[in-house]
Amino acid sequence: MRLNLFFPRSSGRISKTALGFFAHTPRHFINSKRQLSLALQDRLVMKFQAVLCLWASTISSTLGLDGGGGTLDFDHWRLLHEKLYESEDEVKLRQRIFEENSHVVERHNHAFEHGLTSYAMTLASPFADLTAEEFTAMYLMEGQNCSATHRSSGRLFDGDLRDLPTFVDWRTKGIVTPIKNQKRCGSCWTFSTTGTLEAHTCLHNLQPTGVDCTHWTGLAEQQLLDCASAYDNHGCNGGLPSHAYEYIKAAGGLDLEDSYHYRADSDGPCLMSEGVIGARVAEVFNITSFDETDLVAAIGQIGPVSIAYQVSPDFRFYSHGVYDSFNATTNTTMCQSGPMDVNHAVVAVGYGETEATDLSPSVPFYIVRNSWSTSFGMEGYFWMERGKNLCGVSDCASFPLVRSGIVKNQVDKSPRLRSAFSNQFLSQKSD
């Protein structure tokens, strides 16, 4: 498995924030092609840590992320994210907001360096020129009622969590598709739905035929925005993956992204009859609300799971480490965890636990796939503390059940579908 990362030249200085990353790296690394010996795994992790520190140091020194936030830093940030504004007044406004946000980042990272929180922030975030209110309005959905998962589909696991694998990462299994970008629409619920359904479809249908889904453009979020409103979903204003799976089950499937393109709006009309179906849902499994044991068991034994939680204002600056929603000003947890508080849906693709250090004990975490492009967090992913129902992470968990062989049989019978899939995967055979 190739690791497609670009590491620019380093200034030679390793920042304290970068060094702090050592405290937040899982013990084991699973190769997608074969099981490595523990000794070789440890060596690979050590090398990966060193490269990450080199990368973090370079970004920190180049963009002034160690707390400054002046004009030069803002100019570099604009270049990094190719930001254009309509007027000079808008430039001044965004620079002022950027500088105010720099103080939040600096204060938080000071707490991180002293072991008071388990995650670091960065001004390299693509949202560093937005206020908390602007970010919430543009990218988050309205608070959702997780009532569907209050009616559990049943228990998954009655044993001891110690009997489950200590580290799971489905990205290493070739079933997780590339990170996507929801843009300025509260459509995270559609990306949580597609990200999870893509993985389960790959696991049970495509991967057995030799397909590496890490190259797949996946399924159509736009179909859910345009067509699933009858299932208590509200387009760019929010929805829930569990409701979206019910829609897909009733509709007979979800189209391919390449046949139903994403527009980042919910203006309709519904065009599902014109697309090419890429996946189907047989049943929907709702994990009992607040049951993190079953959530961990589902991730460890079955596959990726759709989850939802409440995003607090400072989450938009997440850089690396285990997110704990720590407020460095009040020394309290910022987010809420009630059943009506969740405002963002994502995909849990794994879990692990950090190593204990002199500053802090080990921290269990979920590995989470976001939908804010690869410029957010750790190449589009973040780690979130598990075991405490932090921010309501176990309130709305669900996943689809797919029948093995269904998609493969359809591909074999349909020249149009066969062409749609083969065009995407043809280049993989030469990799």
Protein backbone atom coordinates (compact mmCIF):
# COMPACT_ATOMS: atom_id res chain seq x y z
CA MET A 1 0.00 0.00 0.00
CA ARG A 2 1.48 3.32 -1.04
CA LEU A 3 1.39 6.25 1.36
CA ASN A 4 0.78 9.30 -0.84
CA LEU A 5 2.09 12.10 1.36
CA PHE A 6 4.19 15.12 0.38
CA PHE A 7 6.78 16.28 2.89
CA PRO A 8 8.46 19.64 2.14
CA ARG A 9 11.94 20.44 3.32
CA SER A 10 12.31 21.07 7.02
CA SER A 11 13.84 24.11 8.68
CA GLY A 12 15.54 21.69 11.07
CA ARG A 13 13.55 22.87 14.10
CA ILE A 14 11.08 20.47 15.75
CA SER A 15 8.34 22.39 17.56
CA LYS A 16 7.00 21.33 20.95
CA THR A 17 3.60 20.82 19.36
CA ALA A 18 5.09 18.42 16.83
CA LEU A 19 6.94 16.54 19.55
CA GLY A 20 3.66 16.21 21.40
CA PHE A 21 2.39 14.06 18.56
CA PHE A 22 4.51 11.18 19.90
CA ALA A 23 2.05 10.82 22.75
CA HIS A 24 -0.80 10.17 20.35
CA THR A 25 0.27 7.33 18.06
CA PRO A 26 -1.23 3.80 18.17
CA ARG A 27 1.01 0.91 19.15
CA HIS A 28 0.32 -1.25 16.13
CA PHE A 29 0.29 -0.69 12.39
CA ILE A 30 -1.53 -3.22 10.21
CA ASN A 31 -0.32 -3.59 6.64
CA SER A 32 -3.11 -4.00 4.06
CA LYS A 33 -1.25 -6.76 2.22
CA ARG A 34 -0.16 -9.02 5.12
CA GLN A 35 0.23 -9.21 8.88
CA LEU A 36 3.62 -7.81 9.89
CA SER A 37 5.57 -9.00 12.90
CA LEU A 38 5.19 -6.81 15.97
CA ALA A 39 8.84 -5.78 15.80
CA LEU A 40 8.53 -4.62 12.19
CA GLN A 41 5.26 -2.85 12.99
CA ASP A 42 6.94 -0.90 15.78
CA ARG A 43 9.81 0.14 13.50
CA LEU A 44 7.36 1.36 10.85
CA VAL A 45 5.43 3.36 13.44
CA MET A 46 8.66 4.98 14.72
CA LYS A 47 9.62 6.02 11.18
CA PHE A 48 6.11 7.32 10.51
CA GLN A 49 6.23 9.35 13.73
CA ALA A 50 9.53 10.91 12.73
CA VAL A 51 8.17 11.92 9.31
CA LEU A 52 5.05 13.41 10.89
CA CYS A 53 7.17 15.47 13.27
CA LEU A 54 9.29 16.71 10.36
CA TRP A 55 6.14 17.67 8.45
CA ALA A 56 4.53 19.39 11.44
CA SER A 57 7.72 21.35 12.12
CA THR A 58 7.93 22.57 8.54
CA ILE A 59 4.31 23.70 8.45
CA SER A 60 4.69 25.39 11.84
CA SER A 61 7.76 27.39 10.88
CA THR A 62 6.54 28.23 7.36
CA LEU A 63 3.07 29.44 8.27
CA GLY A 64 3.78 30.88 11.69
CA LEU A 65 1.53 28.42 13.52
CA ASP A 66 3.32 28.69 16.87
CA GLY A 67 1.05 31.51 17.99
CA GLY A 68 1.72 34.59 15.85
CA GLY A 69 -1.10 35.18 13.39
CA GLY A 70 0.12 38.53 11.95
CA THR A 71 -0.22 39.87 8.43
CA LEU A 72 2.45 37.63 6.94
CA ASP A 73 0.86 34.55 8.48
CA PHE A 74 -2.53 35.52 7.10
CA ASP A 75 -1.06 36.04 3.64
CA HIS A 76 0.56 32.62 3.73
CA TRP A 77 -2.69 31.09 4.94
CA ARG A 78 -4.56 32.69 2.02
CA LEU A 79 -2.06 31.21 -0.41
CA LEU A 80 -2.32 27.80 1.23
CA HIS A 81 -6.11 27.70 0.81
CA GLU A 82 -6.33 29.86 -2.34
CA LYS A 83 -8.68 32.30 -0.61
CA LEU A 84 -10.10 35.20 -2.62
CA TYR A 85 -12.24 37.99 -1.15
CA GLU A 86 -14.60 40.43 -2.83
CA SER A 87 -13.18 43.65 -1.40
CA GLU A 88 -10.40 45.17 0.67
CA ASP A 89 -12.87 45.58 3.54
CA GLU A 90 -13.53 41.83 3.41
CA VAL A 91 -9.79 41.16 3.50
CA LYS A 92 -9.42 43.32 6.61
CA LEU A 93 -12.39 41.62 8.29
CA ARG A 94 -11.06 38.13 7.56
CA GLN A 95 -7.59 39.08 8.74
CA ARG A 96 -8.99 40.41 12.01
CA ILE A 97 -10.96 37.19 12.56
CA PHE A 98 -7.88 35.16 11.67
CA GLU A 99 -5.81 37.03 14.24
CA GLU A 100 -8.49 36.57 16.92
CA ASN A 101 -8.56 32.85 16.14
CA SER A 102 -4.76 32.73 16.41
CA HIS A 103 -5.06 33.62 20.10
CA VAL A 104 -7.47 30.71 20.62
CA VAL A 105 -5.03 28.33 18.93
CA GLU A 106 -2.05 29.68 20.87
CA ARG A 107 -3.81 29.40 24.22
CA HIS A 108 -5.00 25.88 23.49
CA ASN A 109 -1.62 24.63 22.27
CA HIS A 110 0.00 25.99 25.43
CA ALA A 111 -2.41 23.77 27.38
CA PHE A 112 -1.61 20.86 25.04
CA GLU A 113 2.13 21.22 25.60
CA HIS A 114 1.53 21.04 29.37
CA GLY A 115 -0.58 17.89 29.14
CA LEU A 116 -3.92 19.53 29.97
CA THR A 117 -5.56 18.37 26.73
CA SER A 118 -4.90 15.48 24.37
CA TYR A 119 -5.21 17.30 21.04
CA ALA A 120 -3.48 20.19 19.30
CA MET A 121 -4.92 22.99 17.18
CA THR A 122 -3.59 24.62 14.04
CA LEU A 123 -4.08 27.88 12.15
CA ALA A 124 -3.58 25.90 8.94
CA SER A 125 -7.24 24.92 9.28
CA PRO A 126 -9.27 25.89 6.19
CA PHE A 127 -11.74 27.60 8.56
CA ALA A 128 -9.33 29.96 10.31
CA ASP A 129 -10.91 33.08 8.77
CA LEU A 130 -14.40 32.27 10.07
CA THR A 131 -16.11 33.07 13.34
CA ALA A 132 -17.72 30.23 15.26
CA GLU A 133 -21.15 31.48 14.23
CA GLU A 134 -20.23 31.64 10.54
CA PHE A 135 -18.72 28.18 10.61
CA THR A 136 -21.78 26.70 12.31
CA ALA A 137 -24.15 28.26 9.77
CA MET A 138 -22.09 27.15 6.77
CA TYR A 139 -20.94 23.64 7.63
CA LEU A 140 -23.02 22.13 10.44
CA MET A 141 -26.54 20.79 10.46
CA GLU A 142 -29.23 21.74 12.91
CA GLY A 143 -29.46 19.64 16.08
CA GLN A 144 -30.93 16.23 15.27
CA ASN A 145 -33.26 13.96 17.23
CA CYS A 146 -31.60 10.57 17.60
CA SER A 147 -34.88 8.80 18.35
CA ALA A 148 -34.27 6.11 15.72
CA THR A 149 -31.37 4.64 17.68
CA HIS A 150 -33.40 4.68 20.89
CA ARG A 151 -35.08 1.62 19.35
CA SER A 152 -32.13 -0.72 19.24
CA SER A 153 -31.80 -3.41 16.61
CA GLY A 154 -30.39 -5.68 19.35
CA ARG A 155 -27.21 -6.33 21.26
CA LEU A 156 -24.06 -7.08 19.30
CA PHE A 157 -21.65 -7.98 22.06
CA ASP A 158 -22.11 -9.40 25.56
CA GLY A 159 -18.46 -10.10 26.30
CA ASP A 160 -15.53 -8.15 27.67
CA LEU A 161 -14.03 -5.33 25.60
CA ARG A 162 -10.64 -6.84 26.35
CA ASP A 163 -11.64 -9.75 24.11
CA LEU A 164 -11.86 -7.41 21.10
CA PRO A 165 -8.82 -6.32 19.03
CA THR A 166 -6.89 -3.52 20.73
CA PHE A 167 -6.43 -1.63 17.46
CA VAL A 168 -8.62 -1.61 14.34
CA ASP A 169 -8.24 0.56 11.24
CA TRP A 170 -10.45 -0.35 8.28
CA ARG A 171 -8.50 2.05 6.05
CA THR A 172 -5.73 -0.55 5.93
CA LYS A 173 -8.13 -3.14 4.50
CA GLY A 174 -8.68 -1.40 1.16
CA ILE A 175 -12.42 -0.74 1.71
CA VAL A 176 -12.46 2.97 2.66
CA THR A 177 -12.91 5.40 -0.21
CA PRO A 178 -11.05 8.74 -0.52
CA ILE A 179 -11.97 11.72 1.67
CA LYS A 180 -14.67 13.97 0.21
CA ASN A 181 -15.70 17.61 0.73
CA GLN A 182 -19.27 18.56 1.67
CA LYS A 183 -18.53 22.27 1.04
CA ARG A 184 -20.91 24.94 2.38
CA CYS A 185 -23.90 22.71 3.02
CA GLY A 186 -24.99 20.91 6.19
CA SER A 187 -24.92 17.64 4.28
CA CYS A 188 -22.55 15.77 6.56
CA TRP A 189 -25.26 13.14 7.14
CA THR A 190 -25.14 12.18 3.47
CA PHE A 191 -21.35 11.74 3.56
CA SER A 192 -21.57 9.68 6.74
CA THR A 193 -24.14 7.51 4.95
CA THR A 194 -22.16 7.06 1.75
CA GLY A 195 -18.81 6.62 3.50
CA THR A 196 -20.15 3.76 5.60
CA LEU A 197 -22.22 2.16 2.83
CA GLU A 198 -19.28 2.36 0.42
CA ALA A 199 -17.09 0.52 2.92
CA HIS A 200 -19.62 -2.26 3.55
CA THR A 201 -20.33 -2.60 -0.17
CA CYS A 202 -16.63 -2.87 -0.83
CA LEU A 203 -16.13 -5.39 1.96
CA HIS A 204 -18.94 -7.72 0.91
CA ASN A 205 -19.20 -7.18 -2.84
CA LEU A 206 -16.35 -5.38 -4.57
CA GLN A 207 -13.25 -6.42 -2.65
CA PRO A 208 -13.88 -10.17 -3.15
CA THR A 209 -13.61 -9.49 -6.89
CA GLY A 210 -10.19 -7.87 -6.47
CA VAL A 211 -11.27 -4.21 -6.35
CA ASP A 212 -9.29 -1.76 -4.21
CA CYS A 213 -11.93 0.74 -3.15
CA THR A 214 -9.37 3.32 -2.09
CA HIS A 215 -9.59 4.49 -5.73
CA TRP A 216 -13.39 4.48 -5.94
CA THR A 217 -15.28 7.80 -6.26
CA GLY A 218 -18.14 6.08 -4.47
CA LEU A 219 -21.84 6.83 -4.08
CA ALA A 220 -24.07 9.86 -4.67
CA GLU A 221 -24.63 12.17 -1.71
CA GLN A 222 -26.67 14.44 -3.98
CA GLN A 223 -29.34 11.79 -4.43
CA LEU A 224 -29.91 11.81 -0.68
CA LEU A 225 -30.13 15.62 -0.64
CA ASP A 226 -32.63 15.64 -3.51
CA CYS A 227 -34.71 12.56 -2.80
CA ALA A 228 -34.71 11.53 0.90
CA SER A 229 -36.76 14.32 2.50
CA ALA A 230 -39.74 12.02 3.12
CA TYR A 231 -37.56 10.14 5.62
CA ASP A 232 -37.19 13.07 8.03
CA ASN A 233 -34.10 14.42 6.29
CA HIS A 234 -33.77 18.11 5.52
CA GLY A 235 -31.15 18.58 2.83
CA CYS A 236 -28.47 21.10 3.76
CA ASN A 237 -30.18 21.66 7.11
CA GLY A 238 -29.43 18.17 8.33
CA GLY A 239 -30.53 14.57 8.55
CA LEU A 240 -29.46 11.24 10.02
CA PRO A 241 -27.66 8.30 8.40
CA SER A 242 -30.14 5.83 9.95
CA HIS A 243 -32.97 7.63 8.11
CA ALA A 244 -30.90 7.78 4.92
CA TYR A 245 -30.33 4.01 5.01
CA GLU A 246 -34.09 3.48 5.32
CA TYR A 247 -34.58 5.64 2.23
CA ILE A 248 -31.95 3.71 0.25
CA LYS A 249 -33.55 0.42 1.26
CA ALA A 250 -36.99 1.59 0.11
CA ALA A 251 -35.71 3.28 -3.06
CA GLY A 252 -33.96 0.15 -4.25
CA GLY A 253 -30.45 1.55 -4.06
CA LEU A 254 -28.13 4.57 -4.19
CA ASP A 255 -26.59 5.84 -7.42
CA LEU A 256 -22.92 6.13 -8.20
CA GLU A 257 -21.30 9.51 -7.60
CA ASP A 258 -20.17 9.58 -11.23
CA SER A 259 -23.76 9.30 -12.47
CA TYR A 260 -25.34 11.73 -9.96
CA HIS A 261 -22.88 14.54 -9.27
CA TYR A 262 -22.67 16.50 -6.02
CA ARG A 263 -23.89 20.12 -6.12
CA ALA A 264 -23.81 21.04 -2.40
CA ASP A 265 -27.43 22.20 -2.41
CA SER A 266 -30.84 20.68 -1.73
CA ASP A 267 -32.84 22.45 -4.42
CA GLY A 268 -33.74 19.25 -6.26
CA PRO A 269 -35.30 17.81 -8.32
CA CYS A 270 -34.84 14.11 -7.58
CA LEU A 271 -33.02 12.50 -10.53
CA MET A 272 -32.48 8.98 -9.18
CA SER A 273 -34.11 7.34 -12.21
CA GLU A 274 -31.40 8.79 -14.45
CA GLY A 275 -28.41 7.44 -12.51
CA VAL A 276 -26.64 4.10 -12.13
CA ILE A 277 -27.23 2.22 -8.88
CA GLY A 278 -23.96 1.45 -7.10
CA ALA A 279 -25.12 -0.03 -3.79
CA ARG A 280 -28.20 -1.39 -2.02
CA VAL A 281 -29.23 -1.70 1.63
CA ALA A 282 -30.89 -4.89 2.87
CA GLU A 283 -31.49 -3.75 6.46
CA VAL A 284 -30.46 -1.00 8.87
CA PHE A 285 -28.83 -1.78 12.22
CA ASN A 286 -29.29 0.87 14.92
CA ILE A 287 -26.86 0.54 17.82
CA THR A 288 -28.49 1.24 21.18
CA SER A 289 -28.01 4.88 22.18
CA PHE A 290 -25.19 5.49 24.67
CA ASP A 291 -23.92 1.89 24.28
CA GLU A 292 -20.23 2.39 23.47
CA THR A 293 -19.49 -1.27 24.10
CA ASP A 294 -21.66 -2.27 21.15
CA LEU A 295 -20.29 0.64 19.12
CA VAL A 296 -16.72 -0.55 19.62
CA ALA A 297 -17.76 -4.14 18.93
CA ALA A 298 -19.45 -3.12 15.67
CA ILE A 299 -16.36 -1.23 14.49
CA GLY A 300 -14.05 -4.04 15.57
CA GLN A 301 -15.99 -7.00 14.22
CA ILE A 302 -18.31 -5.76 11.47
CA GLY A 303 -16.97 -2.62 9.78
CA PRO A 304 -17.16 1.19 9.72
CA VAL A 305 -20.12 2.77 11.51
CA SER A 306 -22.02 6.02 10.96
CA ILE A 307 -21.86 8.19 14.09
CA ALA A 308 -22.94 11.72 14.98
CA TYR A 309 -21.81 14.14 17.67
CA GLN A 310 -21.92 17.81 18.66
CA VAL A 311 -19.22 19.98 17.12
CA SER A 312 -18.15 22.72 19.51
CA PRO A 313 -16.75 25.99 18.09
CA ASP A 314 -13.03 25.25 18.53
CA PHE A 315 -13.17 21.86 16.77
CA ARG A 316 -12.67 23.63 13.44
CA PHE A 317 -9.00 24.20 14.42
CA TYR A 318 -8.24 20.53 15.16
CA SER A 319 -4.75 19.49 14.06
CA HIS A 320 -3.83 16.11 15.60
CA GLY A 321 -4.11 14.05 18.75
CA VAL A 322 -7.20 12.77 20.55
CA TYR A 323 -10.02 15.31 20.49
CA ASP A 324 -11.45 15.86 24.01
CA SER A 325 -13.38 19.15 23.48
CA PHE A 326 -11.19 20.88 26.07
CA ASN A 327 -11.71 24.61 26.61
CA ALA A 328 -8.36 26.15 27.60
CA THR A 329 -10.05 29.26 28.96
CA THR A 330 -12.47 27.58 31.35
CA ASN A 331 -10.68 24.21 31.74
CA THR A 332 -13.95 22.46 30.96
CA THR A 333 -15.43 20.23 28.25
CA MET A 334 -17.15 22.40 25.65
CA CYS A 335 -19.51 20.03 23.83
CA GLN A 336 -22.80 18.57 25.05
CA SER A 337 -23.91 14.93 24.77
CA GLY A 338 -27.70 14.97 24.83
CA PRO A 339 -29.84 13.17 22.20
CA MET A 340 -30.82 16.51 20.61
CA ASP A 341 -27.33 18.04 20.63
CA VAL A 342 -25.65 16.25 17.70
CA ASN A 343 -25.00 18.54 14.72
CA HIS A 344 -22.43 16.65 12.64
CA ALA A 345 -22.34 13.11 11.21
CA VAL A 346 -19.13 11.24 10.31
CA VAL A 347 -17.77 7.70 9.93
CA ALA A 348 -15.93 5.74 12.61
CA VAL A 349 -13.39 3.64 10.68
CA GLY A 350 -11.41 2.25 13.61
CA TYR A 351 -10.22 2.69 17.16
CA GLY A 352 -7.07 2.45 19.29
CA GLU A 353 -5.37 3.80 22.39
CA THR A 354 -2.43 6.13 22.86
CA GLU A 355 0.67 5.34 24.87
CA ALA A 356 0.87 6.76 28.38
CA THR A 357 3.45 9.51 28.96
CA ASP A 358 4.88 11.37 31.93
CA LEU A 359 2.32 14.10 31.31
CA SER A 360 -0.80 12.03 30.69
CA PRO A 361 -2.24 8.51 30.91
CA SER A 362 -3.14 6.47 27.83
CA VAL A 363 -6.25 7.71 25.99
CA PRO A 364 -8.64 5.41 24.07
CA PHE A 365 -9.90 6.90 20.81
CA TYR A 366 -11.99 6.41 17.70
CA ILE A 367 -10.47 6.92 14.24
CA VAL A 368 -12.97 9.14 12.44
CA ARG A 369 -13.41 10.07 8.80
CA ASN A 370 -14.66 13.62 8.24
CA SER A 371 -16.11 15.30 5.12
CA TRP A 372 -14.25 18.62 5.15
CA SER A 373 -11.56 17.65 2.57
CA THR A 374 -8.02 16.46 3.27
CA SER A 375 -6.97 19.95 4.38
CA PHE A 376 -8.71 19.37 7.73
CA GLY A 377 -7.08 17.49 10.61
CA MET A 378 -4.94 14.47 9.78
CA GLU A 379 -5.49 14.24 6.01
CA GLY A 380 -9.23 14.55 6.57
CA TYR A 381 -9.38 12.30 9.65
CA PHE A 382 -9.35 12.92 13.39
CA TRP A 383 -9.15 10.92 16.61
CA MET A 384 -11.89 11.31 19.20
CA GLU A 385 -11.83 10.16 22.82
CA ARG A 386 -13.95 7.06 23.42
CA GLY A 387 -15.50 5.51 26.49
CA LYS A 388 -17.23 8.68 27.77
CA ASN A 389 -19.93 9.30 25.16
CA LEU A 390 -18.00 12.50 24.46
CA CYS A 391 -20.13 15.03 22.57
CA GLY A 392 -22.84 12.36 22.19
CA VAL A 393 -20.69 10.17 19.93
CA SER A 394 -22.70 7.04 20.80
CA ASP A 395 -26.15 8.66 20.58
CA CYS A 396 -26.88 8.06 16.86
CA ALA A 397 -24.73 5.14 15.70
CA SER A 398 -25.92 2.91 12.86
CA PHE A 399 -24.68 0.90 9.90
CA PRO A 400 -26.21 -0.76 6.81
CA LEU A 401 -26.49 -4.46 6.18
CA VAL A 402 -25.69 -5.41 2.60
CA ARG A 403 -26.10 -8.76 0.90
CA SER A 404 -22.90 -10.34 -0.35
CA GLY A 405 -22.68 -10.70 -4.10
CA ILE A 406 -25.61 -8.39 -4.92
CA VAL A 407 -23.57 -5.65 -6.59
CA LYS A 408 -21.27 -8.16 -8.27
CA ASN A 409 -24.22 -10.00 -9.82
CA GLN A 410 -25.72 -6.73 -11.02
CA VAL A 411 -22.41 -5.65 -12.53
CA ASP A 412 -22.09 -8.94 -14.37
CA LYS A 413 -25.60 -8.59 -15.84
CA SER A 414 -25.55 -4.88 -16.74
CA PRO A 415 -23.20 -3.56 -19.45
CA ARG A 416 -23.85 0.03 -18.27
CA LEU A 417 -23.02 -0.77 -14.65
CA ARG A 418 -20.05 -2.91 -15.68
CA SER A 419 -18.69 0.00 -17.70
CA ALA A 420 -19.20 2.45 -14.82
CA PHE A 421 -17.22 0.31 -12.40
CA SER A 422 -14.54 -0.90 -14.80
CA ASN A 423 -13.68 2.63 -15.91
CA GLN A 424 -12.93 3.58 -12.31
CA PHE A 425 -10.87 0.51 -11.46
CA LEU A 426 -9.13 -0.23 -14.76
CA SER A 427 -5.97 1.70 -13.79
CA GLN A 428 -5.55 -0.26 -10.56
CA LYS A 429 -4.40 -3.39 -12.33
CA SER A 430 -1.19 -1.66 -13.36
CA ASP A 431 -0.41 -0.27 -9.85
